[in-house]
Amino acid sequence: MRNHIFNSLLTVATITYSGNLAAQQKPNVIFIYADDLGKGLLSAYGQKQYTT
């Protein structure tokens, strides 16, 4: 019984601690919008004049 209580408290503490870590870190997300960009305009798709 004592081991069961210890395991329960350890589980709750681990979940609480990991939740706090996730809340403190902000995601690194960058959105790039390009107007009038076609598939053939990227060097990855065969464009020779401009390198991306």
PDB file of N, CA and C in Angstrom:
ATOM      1  N   MET A   1       0.820  -1.188   0.000  1.00  0.00           N
ATOM      2  CA  MET A   1       0.000   0.000   0.000  1.00  0.00           C
ATOM      3  C   MET A   1       0.869   1.259   0.000  1.00  0.00           C
ATOM      4  N   ARG A   2       1.935   1.217   0.784  1.00  0.00           N
ATOM      5  CA  ARG A   2       2.816   2.369   0.878  1.00  0.00           C
ATOM      6  C   ARG A   2       3.514   2.627  -0.467  1.00  0.00           C
ATOM      7  N   ASN A   3       3.891   1.548  -1.147  1.00  0.00           N
ATOM      8  CA  ASN A   3       4.534   1.668  -2.450  1.00  0.00           C
ATOM      9  C   ASN A   3       3.558   2.252  -3.484  1.00  0.00           C
ATOM     10  N   HIS A   4       2.297   1.890  -3.387  1.00  0.00           N
ATOM     11  CA  HIS A   4       1.274   2.393  -4.298  1.00  0.00           C
ATOM     12  C   HIS A   4       1.094   3.909  -4.137  1.00  0.00           C
ATOM     13  N   ILE A   5       1.093   4.393  -2.911  1.00  0.00           N
ATOM     14  CA  ILE A   5       0.956   5.832  -2.644  1.00  0.00           C
ATOM     15  C   ILE A   5       2.176   6.583  -3.181  1.00  0.00           C
ATOM     16  N   PHE A   6       3.361   6.029  -2.951  1.00  0.00           N
ATOM     17  CA  PHE A   6       4.589   6.658  -3.441  1.00  0.00           C
ATOM     18  C   PHE A   6       4.582   6.748  -4.966  1.00  0.00           C
ATOM     19  N   ASN A   7       4.193   5.671  -5.630  1.00  0.00           N
ATOM     20  CA  ASN A   7       4.141   5.673  -7.095  1.00  0.00           C
ATOM     21  C   ASN A   7       3.112   6.676  -7.614  1.00  0.00           C
ATOM     22  N   SER A   8       1.990   6.793  -6.941  1.00  0.00           N
ATOM     23  CA  SER A   8       0.965   7.753  -7.345  1.00  0.00           C
ATOM     24  C   SER A   8       1.470   9.183  -7.210  1.00  0.00           C
ATOM     25  N   LEU A   9       2.116   9.495  -6.092  1.00  0.00           N
ATOM     26  CA  LEU A   9       2.659  10.836  -5.888  1.00  0.00           C
ATOM     27  C   LEU A   9       3.772  11.147  -6.883  1.00  0.00           C
ATOM     28  N   LEU A  10       4.602  10.176  -7.172  1.00  0.00           N
ATOM     29  CA  LEU A  10       5.674  10.357  -8.140  1.00  0.00           C
ATOM     30  C   LEU A  10       5.114  10.621  -9.536  1.00  0.00           C
ATOM     31  N   THR A  11       4.068   9.915  -9.900  1.00  0.00           N
ATOM     32  CA  THR A  11       3.427  10.118 -11.202  1.00  0.00           C
ATOM     33  C   THR A  11       2.823  11.511 -11.307  1.00  0.00           C
ATOM     34  N   VAL A  12       2.124  11.943 -10.278  1.00  0.00           N
ATOM     35  CA  VAL A  12       1.515  13.276 -10.280  1.00  0.00           C
ATOM     36  C   VAL A  12       2.594  14.355 -10.344  1.00  0.00           C
ATOM     37  N   ALA A  13       3.668  14.197  -9.594  1.00  0.00           N
ATOM     38  CA  ALA A  13       4.749  15.183  -9.600  1.00  0.00           C
ATOM     39  C   ALA A  13       5.420  15.255 -10.968  1.00  0.00           C
ATOM     40  N   THR A  14       5.618  14.124 -11.605  1.00  0.00           N
ATOM     41  CA  THR A  14       6.245  14.097 -12.928  1.00  0.00           C
ATOM     42  C   THR A  14       5.371  14.780 -13.965  1.00  0.00           C
ATOM     43  N   ILE A  15       4.084  14.505 -13.943  1.00  0.00           N
ATOM     44  CA  ILE A  15       3.158  15.127 -14.898  1.00  0.00           C
ATOM     45  C   ILE A  15       3.091  16.632 -14.679  1.00  0.00           C
ATOM     46  N   THR A  16       3.051  17.051 -13.433  1.00  0.00           N
ATOM     47  CA  THR A  16       2.987  18.480 -13.116  1.00  0.00           C
ATOM     48  C   THR A  16       4.261  19.187 -13.561  1.00  0.00           C
ATOM     49  N   TYR A  17       5.403  18.595 -13.297  1.00  0.00           N
ATOM     50  CA  TYR A  17       6.682  19.205 -13.662  1.00  0.00           C
ATOM     51  C   TYR A  17       6.837  19.291 -15.174  1.00  0.00           C
ATOM     52  N   SER A  18       6.485  18.234 -15.896  1.00  0.00           N
ATOM     53  CA  SER A  18       6.623  18.253 -17.352  1.00  0.00           C
ATOM     54  C   SER A  18       5.636  19.229 -17.980  1.00  0.00           C
ATOM     55  N   GLY A  19       4.492  19.420 -17.384  1.00  0.00           N
ATOM     56  CA  GLY A  19       3.532  20.402 -17.881  1.00  0.00           C
ATOM     57  C   GLY A  19       4.054  21.814 -17.742  1.00  0.00           C
ATOM     58  N   ASN A  20       4.765  22.091 -16.662  1.00  0.00           N
ATOM     59  CA  ASN A  20       5.346  23.416 -16.460  1.00  0.00           C
ATOM     60  C   ASN A  20       6.464  23.691 -17.454  1.00  0.00           C
ATOM     61  N   LEU A  21       7.248  22.686 -17.774  1.00  0.00           N
ATOM     62  CA  LEU A  21       8.316  22.872 -18.748  1.00  0.00           C
ATOM     63  C   LEU A  21       7.754  23.186 -20.127  1.00  0.00           C
ATOM     64  N   ALA A  22       6.711  22.508 -20.506  1.00  0.00           N
ATOM     65  CA  ALA A  22       6.115  22.729 -21.818  1.00  0.00           C
ATOM     66  C   ALA A  22       5.486  24.113 -21.904  1.00  0.00           C
ATOM     67  N   ALA A  23       4.952  24.611 -20.814  1.00  0.00           N
ATOM     68  CA  ALA A  23       4.309  25.920 -20.825  1.00  0.00           C
ATOM     69  C   ALA A  23       5.332  27.049 -20.922  1.00  0.00           C
ATOM     70  N   GLN A  24       6.551  26.837 -20.442  1.00  0.00           N
ATOM     71  CA  GLN A  24       7.563  27.877 -20.443  1.00  0.00           C
ATOM     72  C   GLN A  24       8.237  28.040 -21.799  1.00  0.00           C
ATOM     73  N   GLN A  25       8.288  26.992 -22.593  1.00  0.00           N
ATOM     74  CA  GLN A  25       8.971  27.053 -23.876  1.00  0.00           C
ATOM     75  C   GLN A  25       8.002  27.476 -24.970  1.00  0.00           C
ATOM     76  N   LYS A  26       8.381  28.491 -25.727  1.00  0.00           N
ATOM     77  CA  LYS A  26       7.556  28.947 -26.834  1.00  0.00           C
ATOM     78  C   LYS A  26       8.043  28.265 -28.110  1.00  0.00           C
ATOM     79  N   PRO A  27       7.134  27.900 -28.979  1.00  0.00           N
ATOM     80  CA  PRO A  27       7.545  27.225 -30.210  1.00  0.00           C
ATOM     81  C   PRO A  27       8.217  28.201 -31.181  1.00  0.00           C
ATOM     82  N   ASN A  28       9.170  27.699 -31.929  1.00  0.00           N
ATOM     83  CA  ASN A  28       9.831  28.487 -32.963  1.00  0.00           C
ATOM     84  C   ASN A  28       9.149  28.188 -34.284  1.00  0.00           C
ATOM     85  N   VAL A  29       8.243  29.062 -34.676  1.00  0.00           N
ATOM     86  CA  VAL A  29       7.469  28.875 -35.897  1.00  0.00           C
ATOM     87  C   VAL A  29       7.620  30.116 -36.761  1.00  0.00           C
ATOM     88  N   ILE A  30       7.948  29.907 -38.028  1.00  0.00           N
ATOM     89  CA  ILE A  30       8.061  31.004 -38.981  1.00  0.00           C
ATOM     90  C   ILE A  30       7.131  30.715 -40.144  1.00  0.00           C
ATOM     91  N   PHE A  31       6.275  31.673 -40.468  1.00  0.00           N
ATOM     92  CA  PHE A  31       5.400  31.571 -41.629  1.00  0.00           C
ATOM     93  C   PHE A  31       5.954  32.479 -42.716  1.00  0.00           C
ATOM     94  N   ILE A  32       6.138  31.924 -43.901  1.00  0.00           N
ATOM     95  CA  ILE A  32       6.615  32.704 -45.034  1.00  0.00           C
ATOM     96  C   ILE A  32       5.532  32.690 -46.098  1.00  0.00           C
ATOM     97  N   TYR A  33       5.050  33.877 -46.433  1.00  0.00           N
ATOM     98  CA  TYR A  33       4.036  34.020 -47.474  1.00  0.00           C
ATOM     99  C   TYR A  33       4.686  34.683 -48.688  1.00  0.00           C
ATOM    100  N   ALA A  34       4.503  34.102 -49.850  1.00  0.00           N
ATOM    101  CA  ALA A  34       5.030  34.681 -51.082  1.00  0.00           C
ATOM    102  C   ALA A  34       3.883  34.834 -52.073  1.00  0.00           C
ATOM    103  N   ASP A  35       3.691  36.054 -52.534  1.00  0.00           N
ATOM    104  CA  ASP A  35       2.635  36.341 -53.492  1.00  0.00           C
ATOM    105  C   ASP A  35       3.132  36.014 -54.901  1.00  0.00           C
ATOM    106  N   ASP A  36       2.308  35.345 -55.685  1.00  0.00           N
ATOM    107  CA  ASP A  36       2.588  35.043 -57.084  1.00  0.00           C
ATOM    108  C   ASP A  36       3.855  34.192 -57.246  1.00  0.00           C
ATOM    109  N   LEU A  37       4.035  33.210 -56.414  1.00  0.00           N
ATOM    110  CA  LEU A  37       5.178  32.312 -56.506  1.00  0.00           C
ATOM    111  C   LEU A  37       4.721  31.009 -57.129  1.00  0.00           C
ATOM    112  N   GLY A  38       5.259  30.698 -58.278  1.00  0.00           N
ATOM    113  CA  GLY A  38       4.900  29.464 -58.961  1.00  0.00           C
ATOM    114  C   GLY A  38       5.891  28.361 -58.664  1.00  0.00           C
ATOM    115  N   LYS A  39       5.509  27.143 -58.997  1.00  0.00           N
ATOM    116  CA  LYS A  39       6.355  25.981 -58.735  1.00  0.00           C
ATOM    117  C   LYS A  39       7.662  26.062 -59.518  1.00  0.00           C
ATOM    118  N   GLY A  40       7.638  26.591 -60.719  1.00  0.00           N
ATOM    119  CA  GLY A  40       8.831  26.666 -61.558  1.00  0.00           C
ATOM    120  C   GLY A  40       9.790  27.776 -61.191  1.00  0.00           C
ATOM    121  N   LEU A  41       9.464  28.594 -60.213  1.00  0.00           N
ATOM    122  CA  LEU A  41      10.312  29.723 -59.833  1.00  0.00           C
ATOM    123  C   LEU A  41      11.329  29.384 -58.748  1.00  0.00           C
ATOM    124  N   LEU A  42      11.310  28.181 -58.236  1.00  0.00           N
ATOM    125  CA  LEU A  42      12.248  27.770 -57.193  1.00  0.00           C
ATOM    126  C   LEU A  42      13.364  26.926 -57.795  1.00  0.00           C
ATOM    127  N   SER A  43      14.596  27.115 -57.301  1.00  0.00           N
ATOM    128  CA  SER A  43      15.716  26.340 -57.835  1.00  0.00           C
ATOM    129  C   SER A  43      15.555  24.850 -57.568  1.00  0.00           C
ATOM    130  N   ALA A  44      14.794  24.502 -56.572  1.00  0.00           N
ATOM    131  CA  ALA A  44      14.557  23.084 -56.296  1.00  0.00           C
ATOM    132  C   ALA A  44      13.742  22.423 -57.401  1.00  0.00           C
ATOM    133  N   TYR A  45      13.028  23.236 -58.185  1.00  0.00           N
ATOM    134  CA  TYR A  45      12.195  22.716 -59.268  1.00  0.00           C
ATOM    135  C   TYR A  45      12.728  23.105 -60.641  1.00  0.00           C
ATOM    136  N   GLY A  46      14.009  23.429 -60.743  1.00  0.00           N
ATOM    137  CA  GLY A  46      14.621  23.641 -62.048  1.00  0.00           C
ATOM    138  C   GLY A  46      14.975  25.070 -62.410  1.00  0.00           C
ATOM    139  N   GLN A  47      14.704  26.041 -61.590  1.00  0.00           N
ATOM    140  CA  GLN A  47      15.036  27.434 -61.887  1.00  0.00           C
ATOM    141  C   GLN A  47      16.547  27.606 -61.846  1.00  0.00           C
ATOM    142  N   LYS A  48      17.141  28.174 -62.910  1.00  0.00           N
ATOM    143  CA  LYS A  48      18.598  28.347 -62.982  1.00  0.00           C
ATOM    144  C   LYS A  48      19.024  29.782 -62.673  1.00  0.00           C
ATOM    145  N   GLN A  49      18.145  30.762 -62.854  1.00  0.00           N
ATOM    146  CA  GLN A  49      18.517  32.157 -62.701  1.00  0.00           C
ATOM    147  C   GLN A  49      18.628  32.571 -61.229  1.00  0.00           C
ATOM    148  N   TYR A  50      17.716  32.115 -60.398  1.00  0.00           N
ATOM    149  CA  TYR A  50      17.704  32.478 -58.978  1.00  0.00           C
ATOM    150  C   TYR A  50      17.903  31.228 -58.136  1.00  0.00           C
ATOM    151  N   THR A  51      18.770  31.292 -57.160  1.00  0.00           N
ATOM    152  CA  THR A  51      18.970  30.147 -56.270  1.00  0.00           C
ATOM    153  C   THR A  51      18.228  30.392 -54.963  1.00  0.00           C
ATOM    154  N   THR A  52      17.612  29.351 -54.475  1.00  0.00           N
ATOM    155  CA  THR A  52      16.896  29.445 -53.202  1.00  0.00           C
ATOM    156  C   THR A  52      17.465  28.438 -52.234  1.00  0.00           C
TER     157      THR A  52
END
